[in-house]
PDB file of N, CA and C in Angstrom:
ATOM      1  N   MET A   1      97.513 -28.780  -5.480  1.00  0.00           N
ATOM      2  CA  MET A   1      97.479 -27.170  -5.616  1.00  0.00           C
ATOM      3  C   MET A   1      96.077 -26.697  -5.769  1.00  0.00           C
ATOM      4  N   LYS A   2      95.749 -25.579  -4.985  1.00  0.00           N
ATOM      5  CA  LYS A   2      94.482 -25.110  -5.220  1.00  0.00           C
ATOM      6  C   LYS A   2      94.288 -24.098  -6.503  1.00  0.00           C
ATOM      7  N   LEU A   3      93.135 -24.165  -7.035  1.00  0.00           N
ATOM      8  CA  LEU A   3      92.931 -23.255  -8.173  1.00  0.00           C
ATOM      9  C   LEU A   3      93.140 -21.750  -8.096  1.00  0.00           C
ATOM     10  N   ARG A   4      93.108 -21.239  -6.931  1.00  0.00           N
ATOM     11  CA  ARG A   4      93.140 -19.866  -6.556  1.00  0.00           C
ATOM     12  C   ARG A   4      94.810 -19.600  -6.767  1.00  0.00           C
ATOM     13  N   GLU A   5      95.731 -20.485  -6.663  1.00  0.00           N
ATOM     14  CA  GLU A   5      97.251 -20.462  -6.770  1.00  0.00           C
ATOM     15  C   GLU A   5      97.876 -20.407  -8.184  1.00  0.00           C
ATOM     16  N   MET A   6      96.865 -20.709  -9.223  1.00  0.00           N
ATOM     17  CA  MET A   6      97.209 -20.715 -10.583  1.00  0.00           C
ATOM     18  C   MET A   6      97.634 -19.640 -10.954  1.00  0.00           C
ATOM     19  N   LYS A   7      98.528 -19.446 -12.047  1.00  0.00           N
ATOM     20  CA  LYS A   7      98.835 -18.162 -12.652  1.00  0.00           C
ATOM     21  C   LYS A   7      98.223 -18.201 -14.085  1.00  0.00           C
ATOM     22  N   ILE A   8      98.121 -16.823 -14.558  1.00  0.00           N
ATOM     23  CA  ILE A   8      97.421 -16.537 -15.868  1.00  0.00           C
ATOM     24  C   ILE A   8      98.135 -17.390 -16.899  1.00  0.00           C
ATOM     25  N   ASN A   9      97.433 -18.049 -17.809  1.00  0.00           N
ATOM     26  CA  ASN A   9      97.726 -19.071 -18.855  1.00  0.00           C
ATOM     27  C   ASN A   9      98.339 -20.379 -18.545  1.00  0.00           C
ATOM     28  N   GLN A  10      98.052 -20.547 -17.114  1.00  0.00           N
ATOM     29  CA  GLN A  10      98.378 -22.087 -16.673  1.00  0.00           C
ATOM     30  C   GLN A  10      97.320 -23.038 -16.935  1.00  0.00           C
ATOM     31  N   SER A  11      97.607 -24.132 -17.173  1.00  0.00           N
ATOM     32  CA  SER A  11      96.540 -24.917 -17.311  1.00  0.00           C
ATOM     33  C   SER A  11      96.589 -26.207 -16.277  1.00  0.00           C
ATOM     34  N   ALA A  12      95.594 -26.792 -16.259  1.00  0.00           N
ATOM     35  CA  ALA A  12      95.572 -27.907 -15.150  1.00  0.00           C
ATOM     36  C   ALA A  12      94.345 -28.807 -15.238  1.00  0.00           C
ATOM     37  N   THR A  13      94.424 -29.991 -14.734  1.00  0.00           N
ATOM     38  CA  THR A  13      93.116 -30.727 -14.510  1.00  0.00           C
ATOM     39  C   THR A  13      92.590 -30.711 -13.282  1.00  0.00           C
ATOM     40  N   ILE A  14      91.380 -30.568 -13.076  1.00  0.00           N
ATOM     41  CA  ILE A  14      90.573 -30.603 -11.541  1.00  0.00           C
ATOM     42  C   ILE A  14      90.801 -32.044 -11.105  1.00  0.00           C
ATOM     43  N   THR A  15      91.172 -32.209 -10.027  1.00  0.00           N
ATOM     44  CA  THR A  15      91.407 -33.469  -9.191  1.00  0.00           C
ATOM     45  C   THR A  15      90.340 -33.755  -8.108  1.00  0.00           C
ATOM     46  N   ARG A  16      89.739 -32.546  -7.579  1.00  0.00           N
ATOM     47  CA  ARG A  16      89.008 -32.801  -6.287  1.00  0.00           C
ATOM     48  C   ARG A  16      88.226 -31.416  -6.254  1.00  0.00           C
ATOM     49  N   VAL A  17      86.842 -31.655  -5.757  1.00  0.00           N
ATOM     50  CA  VAL A  17      86.129 -30.394  -5.391  1.00  0.00           C
ATOM     51  C   VAL A  17      85.641 -30.463  -4.025  1.00  0.00           C
ATOM     52  N   THR A  18      86.223 -29.706  -3.107  1.00  0.00           N
ATOM     53  CA  THR A  18      85.998 -29.954  -1.618  1.00  0.00           C
ATOM     54  C   THR A  18      84.980 -29.067  -1.011  1.00  0.00           C
ATOM     55  N   ALA A  19      84.385 -28.294  -1.996  1.00  0.00           N
ATOM     56  CA  ALA A  19      83.204 -27.310  -1.260  1.00  0.00           C
ATOM     57  C   ALA A  19      82.069 -27.928  -0.679  1.00  0.00           C
ATOM     58  N   PRO A  20      81.723 -27.439   0.470  1.00  0.00           N
ATOM     59  CA  PRO A  20      80.545 -27.833   1.332  1.00  0.00           C
ATOM     60  C   PRO A  20      79.268 -27.981   0.357  1.00  0.00           C
ATOM     61  N   MET A  21      78.270 -28.588   0.755  1.00  0.00           N
ATOM     62  CA  MET A  21      76.946 -28.920   0.354  1.00  0.00           C
ATOM     63  C   MET A  21      76.591 -27.987  -0.849  1.00  0.00           C
ATOM     64  N   GLU A  22      75.870 -26.737  -0.552  1.00  0.00           N
ATOM     65  CA  GLU A  22      75.306 -25.799  -1.768  1.00  0.00           C
ATOM     66  C   GLU A  22      76.283 -25.531  -2.638  1.00  0.00           C
ATOM     67  N   MET A  23      77.340 -24.933  -2.096  1.00  0.00           N
ATOM     68  CA  MET A  23      78.498 -24.343  -2.918  1.00  0.00           C
ATOM     69  C   MET A  23      78.955 -25.384  -3.765  1.00  0.00           C
ATOM     70  N   GLY A  24      79.243 -26.661  -3.172  1.00  0.00           N
ATOM     71  CA  GLY A  24      79.899 -27.799  -3.997  1.00  0.00           C
ATOM     72  C   GLY A  24      79.009 -28.320  -5.132  1.00  0.00           C
ATOM     73  N   ARG A  25      77.533 -28.252  -4.883  1.00  0.00           N
ATOM     74  CA  ARG A  25      76.531 -28.748  -5.923  1.00  0.00           C
ATOM     75  C   ARG A  25      76.583 -27.539  -6.991  1.00  0.00           C
ATOM     76  N   ARG A  26      76.662 -26.296  -6.812  1.00  0.00           N
ATOM     77  CA  ARG A  26      76.614 -25.200  -7.748  1.00  0.00           C
ATOM     78  C   ARG A  26      77.971 -25.241  -8.618  1.00  0.00           C
ATOM     79  N   ILE A  27      79.076 -25.427  -7.928  1.00  0.00           N
ATOM     80  CA  ILE A  27      80.516 -25.587  -8.598  1.00  0.00           C
ATOM     81  C   ILE A  27      80.474 -26.811  -9.707  1.00  0.00           C
ATOM     82  N   ARG A  28      79.826 -27.755  -9.157  1.00  0.00           N
ATOM     83  CA  ARG A  28      79.683 -28.863 -10.011  1.00  0.00           C
ATOM     84  C   ARG A  28      78.660 -28.799 -11.108  1.00  0.00           C
ATOM     85  N   ASP A  29      77.601 -28.140 -11.059  1.00  0.00           N
ATOM     86  CA  ASP A  29      76.593 -27.743 -11.967  1.00  0.00           C
ATOM     87  C   ASP A  29      77.230 -26.889 -13.088  1.00  0.00           C
ATOM     88  N   MET A  30      78.205 -26.112 -12.701  1.00  0.00           N
ATOM     89  CA  MET A  30      79.046 -25.261 -13.732  1.00  0.00           C
ATOM     90  C   MET A  30      79.881 -25.852 -14.501  1.00  0.00           C
ATOM     91  N   GLY A  31      79.947 -27.252 -14.294  1.00  0.00           N
ATOM     92  CA  GLY A  31      80.800 -28.067 -15.162  1.00  0.00           C
ATOM     93  C   GLY A  31      82.297 -28.251 -14.664  1.00  0.00           C
ATOM     94  N   ILE A  32      82.591 -27.858 -13.231  1.00  0.00           N
ATOM     95  CA  ILE A  32      83.663 -28.078 -12.731  1.00  0.00           C
ATOM     96  C   ILE A  32      83.728 -29.329 -11.950  1.00  0.00           C
ATOM     97  N   THR A  33      84.216 -30.414 -12.662  1.00  0.00           N
ATOM     98  CA  THR A  33      84.185 -31.753 -12.102  1.00  0.00           C
ATOM     99  C   THR A  33      85.481 -32.377 -12.184  1.00  0.00           C
ATOM    100  N   PRO A  34      85.956 -33.311 -11.323  1.00  0.00           N
ATOM    101  CA  PRO A  34      87.179 -34.015 -11.303  1.00  0.00           C
ATOM    102  C   PRO A  34      87.447 -34.543 -12.953  1.00  0.00           C
ATOM    103  N   GLY A  35      88.769 -34.231 -13.281  1.00  0.00           N
ATOM    104  CA  GLY A  35      88.957 -34.980 -14.731  1.00  0.00           C
ATOM    105  C   GLY A  35      88.893 -33.697 -15.888  1.00  0.00           C
ATOM    106  N   THR A  36      88.172 -32.444 -15.402  1.00  0.00           N
ATOM    107  CA  THR A  36      87.922 -31.436 -16.358  1.00  0.00           C
ATOM    108  C   THR A  36      89.308 -30.693 -16.467  1.00  0.00           C
ATOM    109  N   GLN A  37      89.761 -30.297 -17.863  1.00  0.00           N
ATOM    110  CA  GLN A  37      90.875 -29.485 -18.151  1.00  0.00           C
ATOM    111  C   GLN A  37      90.369 -28.008 -18.019  1.00  0.00           C
ATOM    112  N   ILE A  38      91.246 -27.234 -17.366  1.00  0.00           N
ATOM    113  CA  ILE A  38      90.898 -25.793 -17.248  1.00  0.00           C
ATOM    114  C   ILE A  38      92.143 -25.139 -17.625  1.00  0.00           C
ATOM    115  N   GLN A  39      91.964 -23.685 -17.964  1.00  0.00           N
ATOM    116  CA  GLN A  39      93.087 -22.701 -18.054  1.00  0.00           C
ATOM    117  C   GLN A  39      92.498 -21.497 -17.555  1.00  0.00           C
ATOM    118  N   VAL A  40      93.487 -20.943 -16.715  1.00  0.00           N
ATOM    119  CA  VAL A  40      93.152 -19.377 -16.042  1.00  0.00           C
ATOM    120  C   VAL A  40      93.465 -18.631 -17.431  1.00  0.00           C
ATOM    121  N   ILE A  41      92.724 -17.729 -17.824  1.00  0.00           N
ATOM    122  CA  ILE A  41      92.886 -16.739 -18.830  1.00  0.00           C
ATOM    123  C   ILE A  41      92.879 -15.363 -18.341  1.00  0.00           C
ATOM    124  N   ARG A  42      92.472 -14.959 -17.317  1.00  0.00           N
ATOM    125  CA  ARG A  42      92.779 -13.652 -16.677  1.00  0.00           C
ATOM    126  C   ARG A  42      91.994 -13.378 -15.155  1.00  0.00           C
ATOM    127  N   ARG A  43      92.739 -12.478 -14.534  1.00  0.00           N
ATOM    128  CA  ARG A  43      92.091 -12.166 -13.221  1.00  0.00           C
ATOM    129  C   ARG A  43      91.760 -10.781 -13.142  1.00  0.00           C
ATOM    130  N   ALA A  44      90.799 -10.252 -12.193  1.00  0.00           N
ATOM    131  CA  ALA A  44      90.449  -8.873 -12.326  1.00  0.00           C
ATOM    132  C   ALA A  44      91.541  -8.078 -11.596  1.00  0.00           C
ATOM    133  N   PRO A  45      91.646  -6.802 -11.544  1.00  0.00           N
ATOM    134  CA  PRO A  45      92.651  -6.101 -11.034  1.00  0.00           C
ATOM    135  C   PRO A  45      92.990  -6.371  -9.615  1.00  0.00           C
ATOM    136  N   LEU A  46      91.856  -6.683  -8.740  1.00  0.00           N
ATOM    137  CA  LEU A  46      92.267  -7.099  -7.240  1.00  0.00           C
ATOM    138  C   LEU A  46      92.275  -8.578  -7.215  1.00  0.00           C
ATOM    139  N   LEU A  47      92.540  -9.277  -8.169  1.00  0.00           N
ATOM    140  CA  LEU A  47      92.676 -10.765  -8.288  1.00  0.00           C
ATOM    141  C   LEU A  47      91.341 -11.567  -7.915  1.00  0.00           C
ATOM    142  N   ASP A  48      90.312 -10.820  -7.871  1.00  0.00           N
ATOM    143  CA  ASP A  48      89.189 -11.399  -7.666  1.00  0.00           C
ATOM    144  C   ASP A  48      88.085 -10.850  -8.461  1.00  0.00           C
ATOM    145  N   PRO A  49      87.462 -11.586  -9.268  1.00  0.00           N
ATOM    146  CA  PRO A  49      87.359 -13.047  -9.527  1.00  0.00           C
ATOM    147  C   PRO A  49      88.650 -13.468 -10.616  1.00  0.00           C
ATOM    148  N   VAL A  50      88.459 -14.806 -10.929  1.00  0.00           N
ATOM    149  CA  VAL A  50      89.231 -15.474 -11.978  1.00  0.00           C
ATOM    150  C   VAL A  50      88.427 -15.951 -12.927  1.00  0.00           C
ATOM    151  N   ALA A  51      88.966 -15.597 -14.287  1.00  0.00           N
ATOM    152  CA  ALA A  51      88.322 -16.312 -15.462  1.00  0.00           C
ATOM    153  C   ALA A  51      88.943 -17.420 -15.816  1.00  0.00           C
ATOM    154  N   LEU A  52      88.322 -18.527 -16.174  1.00  0.00           N
ATOM    155  CA  LEU A  52      88.708 -19.704 -16.621  1.00  0.00           C
ATOM    156  C   LEU A  52      88.147 -20.191 -18.021  1.00  0.00           C
ATOM    157  N   LYS A  53      88.856 -20.988 -18.682  1.00  0.00           N
ATOM    158  CA  LYS A  53      88.398 -21.573 -19.906  1.00  0.00           C
ATOM    159  C   LYS A  53      88.268 -22.971 -19.791  1.00  0.00           C
ATOM    160  N   LEU A  54      87.185 -23.648 -19.916  1.00  0.00           N
ATOM    161  CA  LEU A  54      86.837 -24.866 -19.722  1.00  0.00           C
ATOM    162  C   LEU A  54      85.799 -25.611 -20.723  1.00  0.00           C
ATOM    163  N   SER A  55      85.854 -26.745 -21.264  1.00  0.00           N
ATOM    164  CA  SER A  55      84.991 -27.442 -21.927  1.00  0.00           C
ATOM    165  C   SER A  55      84.315 -26.176 -23.038  1.00  0.00           C
ATOM    166  N   GLY A  56      85.314 -25.443 -23.826  1.00  0.00           N
ATOM    167  CA  GLY A  56      84.799 -24.666 -24.907  1.00  0.00           C
ATOM    168  C   GLY A  56      84.041 -23.174 -24.272  1.00  0.00           C
ATOM    169  N   PHE A  57      83.948 -22.865 -23.101  1.00  0.00           N
ATOM    170  CA  PHE A  57      83.227 -21.666 -22.583  1.00  0.00           C
ATOM    171  C   PHE A  57      84.228 -20.914 -21.545  1.00  0.00           C
ATOM    172  N   THR A  58      83.961 -19.714 -21.312  1.00  0.00           N
ATOM    173  CA  THR A  58      84.567 -19.006 -20.280  1.00  0.00           C
ATOM    174  C   THR A  58      83.835 -18.907 -18.882  1.00  0.00           C
ATOM    175  N   LEU A  59      84.203 -19.145 -17.730  1.00  0.00           N
ATOM    176  CA  LEU A  59      83.458 -19.156 -16.548  1.00  0.00           C
ATOM    177  C   LEU A  59      84.527 -18.222 -15.545  1.00  0.00           C
ATOM    178  N   THR A  60      83.772 -17.420 -14.693  1.00  0.00           N
ATOM    179  CA  THR A  60      84.493 -16.718 -13.622  1.00  0.00           C
ATOM    180  C   THR A  60      83.935 -17.111 -12.176  1.00  0.00           C
ATOM    181  N   LEU A  61      84.966 -17.338 -11.481  1.00  0.00           N
ATOM    182  CA  LEU A  61      84.827 -17.730  -9.951  1.00  0.00           C
ATOM    183  C   LEU A  61      85.377 -16.797  -9.017  1.00  0.00           C
ATOM    184  N   ARG A  62      84.675 -16.757  -7.979  1.00  0.00           N
ATOM    185  CA  ARG A  62      85.259 -15.956  -6.969  1.00  0.00           C
ATOM    186  C   ARG A  62      86.417 -16.769  -6.137  1.00  0.00           C
ATOM    187  N   ASN A  63      87.294 -16.049  -5.436  1.00  0.00           N
ATOM    188  CA  ASN A  63      88.512 -16.776  -4.855  1.00  0.00           C
ATOM    189  C   ASN A  63      88.014 -17.702  -3.746  1.00  0.00           C
ATOM    190  N   ASN A  64      86.815 -17.305  -3.076  1.00  0.00           N
ATOM    191  CA  ASN A  64      86.332 -18.353  -2.001  1.00  0.00           C
ATOM    192  C   ASN A  64      85.902 -19.446  -2.554  1.00  0.00           C
ATOM    193  N   GLU A  65      85.530 -19.462  -3.763  1.00  0.00           N
ATOM    194  CA  GLU A  65      85.131 -20.878  -4.590  1.00  0.00           C
ATOM    195  C   GLU A  65      86.134 -21.472  -5.231  1.00  0.00           C
ATOM    196  N   ALA A  66      87.221 -20.971  -5.676  1.00  0.00           N
ATOM    197  CA  ALA A  66      88.496 -21.468  -6.164  1.00  0.00           C
ATOM    198  C   ALA A  66      89.310 -22.183  -4.960  1.00  0.00           C
ATOM    199  N   ASP A  67      89.175 -21.709  -3.876  1.00  0.00           N
ATOM    200  CA  ASP A  67      89.948 -22.268  -2.648  1.00  0.00           C
ATOM    201  C   ASP A  67      89.414 -23.737  -2.453  1.00  0.00           C
ATOM    202  N   HIS A  68      88.286 -24.009  -2.970  1.00  0.00           N
ATOM    203  CA  HIS A  68      87.578 -25.490  -2.680  1.00  0.00           C
ATOM    204  C   HIS A  68      88.084 -26.412  -3.912  1.00  0.00           C
ATOM    205  N   ILE A  69      88.732 -25.959  -4.674  1.00  0.00           N
ATOM    206  CA  ILE A  69      89.009 -26.805  -6.016  1.00  0.00           C
ATOM    207  C   ILE A  69      90.462 -26.987  -6.143  1.00  0.00           C
ATOM    208  N   GLU A  70      90.810 -28.399  -6.165  1.00  0.00           N
ATOM    209  CA  GLU A  70      92.308 -28.655  -6.232  1.00  0.00           C
ATOM    210  C   GLU A  70      92.477 -29.226  -7.677  1.00  0.00           C
ATOM    211  N   VAL A  71      93.618 -28.946  -8.194  1.00  0.00           N
ATOM    212  CA  VAL A  71      94.041 -29.026  -9.449  1.00  0.00           C
ATOM    213  C   VAL A  71      95.403 -29.691  -9.558  1.00  0.00           C
ATOM    214  N   GLU A  72      95.802 -30.448 -10.691  1.00  0.00           N
ATOM    215  CA  GLU A  72      97.069 -30.838 -10.951  1.00  0.00           C
ATOM    216  C   GLU A  72      97.602 -30.109 -12.418  1.00  0.00           C
ATOM    217  N   ILE A  73      98.622 -29.429 -12.131  1.00  0.00           N
ATOM    218  CA  ILE A  73      99.134 -28.624 -13.317  1.00  0.00           C
ATOM    219  C   ILE A  73      99.586 -29.592 -14.544  1.00  0.00           C
ATOM    220  N   SER A  74      99.110 -29.246 -15.746  1.00  0.00           N
ATOM    221  CA  SER A  74      99.507 -30.189 -16.836  1.00  0.00           C
ATOM    222  C   SER A  74     100.573 -29.387 -17.674  1.00  0.00           C
TER     223      SER A  74
END
């Protein structure tokens, strides 16, 4: 499943990042790598961006970035 499809308060493990070149590097630099546990904590009123909790911090991603992150619900 894609990260964008997750619901609020749902937890998952990142299985794959499929973003191309520069976007993929930037996503991985933010700590979004396979094996990382994440939780969706909130969404903006228009559903973009999404706020995530991972590795002890909160991170927001745009939906076009979340579309390139595959997760497994835990």
